[in-house]
Amino acid sequence: MNHAFIVEDTDEFRGLLVQQLHALPHAWEITAFASGAEAMNAVEFLAQPPDIALVDLGLPDAEGADVIRVLHAAFPELPILVISVYAREDKVLEAVRAGAKGYLLKDDEEAIARGVQEALAGNFPISPVVARHLFAVLREDDEATSPIPAIKPSKPRLAPQELRILALIQQGLSYGQVAEDMGLALSTVQSYSRNLYRKLDVHSQTQALARARAEGLIT
């Protein structure tokens, strides 16, 4: 029986990952965590390495790259796949440096099952968009001594609704007041907020506003 170690904070997507694994031609034991801190604490209690680890980068309580570092330090040969909404160059490179051996985007669900099989076979699955970023970085850095250079993060792209939410939060409005102003359900505003947190790579309103100002998204 194969053992998968999953770290994904979203219940719906965590359930999707479990379904993808059970659809493969193997029996699976699955250990899943919604918290990065809980996942890192659990690593030291694993009697043997999992067969594969699937790690989200946008965790609410920890950096996904830190989870990858802990797993890689404990089990250097463990195939660790990033399953993320992030395709930014800095996120990709940080995950690779931390020990990831594959990088797949959440919007390509069919590729996830294939990626697991490729990783189990010793390959390094990577989404085409992510691969283009990596090759572009390497081409631009031909004269550098490091094969994986530090680069400037790309500017986040927010939807108009997300920018409107930021502007209203900047005015001091609560989520309930934002929902009323925009004529949306509170749950919809909260969903938009979670998406913009991920895009900005932040975990609070204060951080979101600071990052948005720094990027020139709001004034």
Protein backbone atom coordinates (compact mmCIF):
# COMPACT_ATOMS: atom_id res chain seq x y z
CA MET A 1 0.00 0.00 0.00
CA ASN A 2 1.30 3.43 -0.96
CA HIS A 3 1.36 6.26 1.55
CA ALA A 4 0.61 9.88 0.55
CA PHE A 5 1.31 12.90 2.77
CA ILE A 6 -0.98 15.80 1.83
CA VAL A 7 -0.78 19.40 3.09
CA GLU A 8 -3.67 21.48 1.74
CA ASP A 9 -5.76 23.95 3.71
CA THR A 10 -8.82 24.01 1.44
CA ASP A 11 -11.29 21.23 2.32
CA GLU A 12 -12.67 20.99 -1.20
CA PHE A 13 -9.30 20.71 -2.92
CA ARG A 14 -7.92 18.37 -0.26
CA GLY A 15 -10.87 16.10 -0.98
CA LEU A 16 -10.12 16.34 -4.70
CA LEU A 17 -6.53 15.25 -4.13
CA VAL A 18 -7.73 12.26 -2.12
CA GLN A 19 -10.11 11.32 -4.95
CA GLN A 20 -7.33 11.65 -7.52
CA LEU A 21 -5.11 9.29 -5.53
CA HIS A 22 -7.81 6.70 -4.96
CA ALA A 23 -8.50 6.69 -8.72
CA LEU A 24 -4.94 5.49 -9.38
CA PRO A 25 -4.24 1.76 -9.79
CA HIS A 26 -2.82 1.42 -6.27
CA ALA A 27 -4.16 1.16 -2.75
CA TRP A 28 -3.43 4.33 -0.79
CA GLU A 29 -3.03 5.23 2.84
CA ILE A 30 -3.45 9.00 3.10
CA THR A 31 -2.28 11.34 5.84
CA ALA A 32 -3.73 14.80 5.25
CA PHE A 33 -3.29 18.13 7.02
CA ALA A 34 -5.01 21.50 6.66
CA SER A 35 -2.29 23.18 8.74
CA GLY A 36 1.35 23.61 7.81
CA ALA A 37 2.39 23.64 11.47
CA GLU A 38 0.60 20.36 12.19
CA ALA A 39 2.16 18.78 9.11
CA MET A 40 5.69 19.81 10.13
CA ASN A 41 5.14 18.54 13.66
CA ALA A 42 3.89 15.21 12.33
CA VAL A 43 6.97 14.56 10.19
CA GLU A 44 9.13 13.56 13.15
CA PHE A 45 6.60 10.89 14.13
CA LEU A 46 6.60 9.15 10.74
CA ALA A 47 8.12 5.71 11.18
CA GLN A 48 9.05 5.55 7.50
CA PRO A 49 8.96 7.99 4.59
CA PRO A 50 5.73 8.38 2.60
CA ASP A 51 5.78 7.36 -1.03
CA ILE A 52 4.85 10.87 -2.09
CA ALA A 53 4.03 14.28 -0.58
CA LEU A 54 1.65 16.84 -2.09
CA VAL A 55 2.12 20.32 -0.63
CA ASP A 56 0.22 23.56 -1.20
CA LEU A 57 2.25 26.77 -0.92
CA GLY A 58 -0.56 29.10 0.15
CA LEU A 59 -1.09 27.84 3.70
CA PRO A 60 -2.71 30.13 6.28
CA ASP A 61 -0.30 29.45 9.14
CA ALA A 62 3.05 28.61 7.54
CA GLU A 63 5.03 28.90 4.34
CA GLY A 64 4.58 25.87 2.10
CA ALA A 65 8.29 26.06 1.31
CA ASP A 66 9.04 25.53 5.02
CA VAL A 67 6.94 22.37 5.02
CA ILE A 68 8.88 21.18 1.98
CA ARG A 69 12.20 21.89 3.74
CA VAL A 70 11.16 19.86 6.78
CA LEU A 71 10.03 16.93 4.63
CA HIS A 72 13.16 17.07 2.47
CA ALA A 73 15.46 17.22 5.50
CA ALA A 74 13.78 14.18 7.03
CA PHE A 75 13.47 12.19 3.79
CA PRO A 76 15.88 13.47 1.09
CA GLU A 77 14.65 10.98 -1.53
CA LEU A 78 10.96 11.69 -0.98
CA PRO A 79 9.21 12.95 -4.14
CA ILE A 80 7.56 16.19 -3.03
CA LEU A 81 5.10 17.77 -5.46
CA VAL A 82 3.90 21.34 -5.13
CA ILE A 83 0.18 21.67 -5.93
CA SER A 84 -0.45 25.41 -6.04
CA VAL A 85 -2.27 28.34 -7.60
CA TYR A 86 1.05 30.21 -7.75
CA ALA A 87 3.01 30.28 -11.00
CA ARG A 88 5.26 33.19 -9.99
CA GLU A 89 8.94 32.66 -10.67
CA ASP A 90 10.03 33.42 -7.11
CA LYS A 91 7.56 30.89 -5.67
CA VAL A 92 8.65 28.20 -8.12
CA LEU A 93 12.34 28.71 -7.43
CA GLU A 94 11.85 28.84 -3.66
CA ALA A 95 9.99 25.52 -3.76
CA VAL A 96 12.70 23.91 -5.91
CA ARG A 97 15.42 25.16 -3.57
CA ALA A 98 13.49 23.79 -0.60
CA GLY A 99 13.42 20.29 -2.09
CA ALA A 100 10.37 20.04 -4.35
CA LYS A 101 10.71 17.53 -7.19
CA GLY A 102 7.68 18.64 -9.17
CA TYR A 103 5.38 21.63 -9.51
CA LEU A 104 1.78 21.40 -10.71
CA LEU A 105 -0.90 24.08 -10.89
CA LYS A 106 -4.30 23.55 -9.31
CA ASP A 107 -6.21 24.58 -12.42
CA ASP A 108 -4.94 21.51 -14.28
CA GLU A 109 -6.64 18.79 -12.25
CA GLU A 110 -6.08 16.06 -14.84
CA ALA A 111 -2.32 16.66 -14.66
CA ILE A 112 -2.23 15.97 -10.93
CA ALA A 113 -2.96 12.23 -11.20
CA ARG A 114 -0.46 11.94 -14.05
CA GLY A 115 2.07 13.92 -12.06
CA VAL A 116 1.79 11.57 -9.08
CA GLN A 117 2.45 8.58 -11.33
CA GLU A 118 5.41 10.34 -12.97
CA ALA A 119 6.89 11.25 -9.58
CA LEU A 120 6.52 7.68 -8.33
CA ALA A 121 8.40 6.57 -11.45
CA GLY A 122 11.28 8.91 -10.56
CA ASN A 123 10.42 11.75 -12.92
CA PHE A 124 9.95 15.46 -12.19
CA PRO A 125 6.47 16.54 -13.33
CA ILE A 126 6.02 20.25 -13.96
CA SER A 127 3.18 22.30 -15.45
CA PRO A 128 3.99 23.89 -18.83
CA VAL A 129 3.44 27.43 -17.51
CA VAL A 130 5.89 26.81 -14.69
CA ALA A 131 8.40 25.25 -17.07
CA ARG A 132 8.29 28.34 -19.29
CA HIS A 133 9.09 30.52 -16.29
CA LEU A 134 12.06 28.38 -15.32
CA PHE A 135 13.54 28.28 -18.82
CA ALA A 136 13.08 32.04 -19.19
CA VAL A 137 14.95 32.63 -15.93
CA LEU A 138 17.78 30.31 -16.95
CA ARG A 139 18.13 31.99 -20.34
CA GLU A 140 18.31 35.41 -18.72
CA ASP A 141 20.95 34.23 -16.27
CA ASP A 142 23.49 32.64 -18.63
CA GLU A 143 26.31 34.77 -17.23
CA ALA A 144 25.46 34.25 -13.54
CA THR A 145 27.30 31.74 -11.40
CA SER A 146 24.14 30.31 -9.82
CA PRO A 147 21.92 28.10 -11.97
CA ILE A 148 18.86 29.25 -9.98
CA PRO A 149 19.14 33.00 -9.45
CA ALA A 150 17.18 35.23 -7.14
CA ILE A 151 14.66 37.24 -9.15
CA LYS A 152 12.16 39.97 -8.57
CA PRO A 153 8.60 38.70 -8.02
CA SER A 154 6.12 39.51 -10.78
CA LYS A 155 3.38 42.00 -10.00
CA PRO A 156 0.17 40.32 -8.75
CA ARG A 157 -2.82 40.57 -11.07
CA LEU A 158 -6.06 41.21 -9.19
CA ALA A 159 -9.57 41.07 -10.59
CA PRO A 160 -11.65 44.28 -10.51
CA GLN A 161 -13.78 42.88 -7.67
CA GLU A 162 -10.65 42.09 -5.65
CA LEU A 163 -9.29 45.61 -6.17
CA ARG A 164 -12.64 47.06 -5.10
CA ILE A 165 -12.58 44.97 -1.92
CA LEU A 166 -9.07 46.20 -1.14
CA ALA A 167 -10.14 49.81 -1.64
CA LEU A 168 -13.13 49.40 0.67
CA ILE A 169 -11.09 47.61 3.32
CA GLN A 170 -8.60 50.47 3.12
CA GLN A 171 -11.48 52.81 4.01
CA GLY A 172 -12.05 50.81 7.18
CA LEU A 173 -15.12 48.82 6.09
CA SER A 174 -15.79 45.36 7.52
CA TYR A 175 -16.45 42.39 5.24
CA GLY A 176 -20.15 42.75 6.00
CA GLN A 177 -20.10 46.40 4.97
CA VAL A 178 -18.07 45.55 1.86
CA ALA A 179 -20.68 42.96 0.89
CA GLU A 180 -23.46 45.51 1.33
CA ASP A 181 -21.59 48.17 -0.67
CA MET A 182 -20.89 45.78 -3.55
CA GLY A 183 -24.28 44.09 -3.47
CA LEU A 184 -22.73 40.68 -2.89
CA ALA A 185 -23.24 37.90 -0.38
CA LEU A 186 -20.82 37.91 2.54
CA SER A 187 -19.57 34.45 1.54
CA THR A 188 -18.75 35.78 -1.95
CA VAL A 189 -16.73 38.65 -0.51
CA GLN A 190 -14.89 36.23 1.77
CA SER A 191 -14.12 34.00 -1.22
CA TYR A 192 -12.76 36.97 -3.19
CA SER A 193 -10.69 37.93 -0.15
CA ARG A 194 -9.16 34.47 0.15
CA ASN A 195 -8.21 34.61 -3.54
CA LEU A 196 -6.55 38.01 -3.26
CA TYR A 197 -4.67 36.86 -0.13
CA ARG A 198 -3.25 34.00 -2.18
CA LYS A 199 -2.36 36.24 -5.09
CA LEU A 200 -0.64 38.74 -2.80
CA ASP A 201 0.97 35.95 -0.75
CA VAL A 202 -0.28 37.40 2.56
CA HIS A 203 -2.27 36.16 5.53
CA SER A 204 -4.04 39.24 6.94
CA GLN A 205 -5.79 42.45 5.91
CA THR A 206 -2.87 44.52 7.15
CA GLN A 207 -0.40 42.53 5.06
CA ALA A 208 -2.73 42.66 2.04
CA LEU A 209 -2.99 46.44 2.19
CA ALA A 210 0.76 46.87 2.68
CA ARG A 211 1.60 44.59 -0.25
CA ALA A 212 -1.01 46.22 -2.48
CA ARG A 213 0.40 49.68 -1.72
CA ALA A 214 3.95 48.48 -2.36
CA GLU A 215 2.88 47.09 -5.75
CA GLY A 216 1.00 50.27 -6.65
CA LEU A 217 -2.36 48.48 -6.76
CA ILE A 218 -3.88 50.98 -4.34
CA THR A 219 -2.75 54.39 -3.10
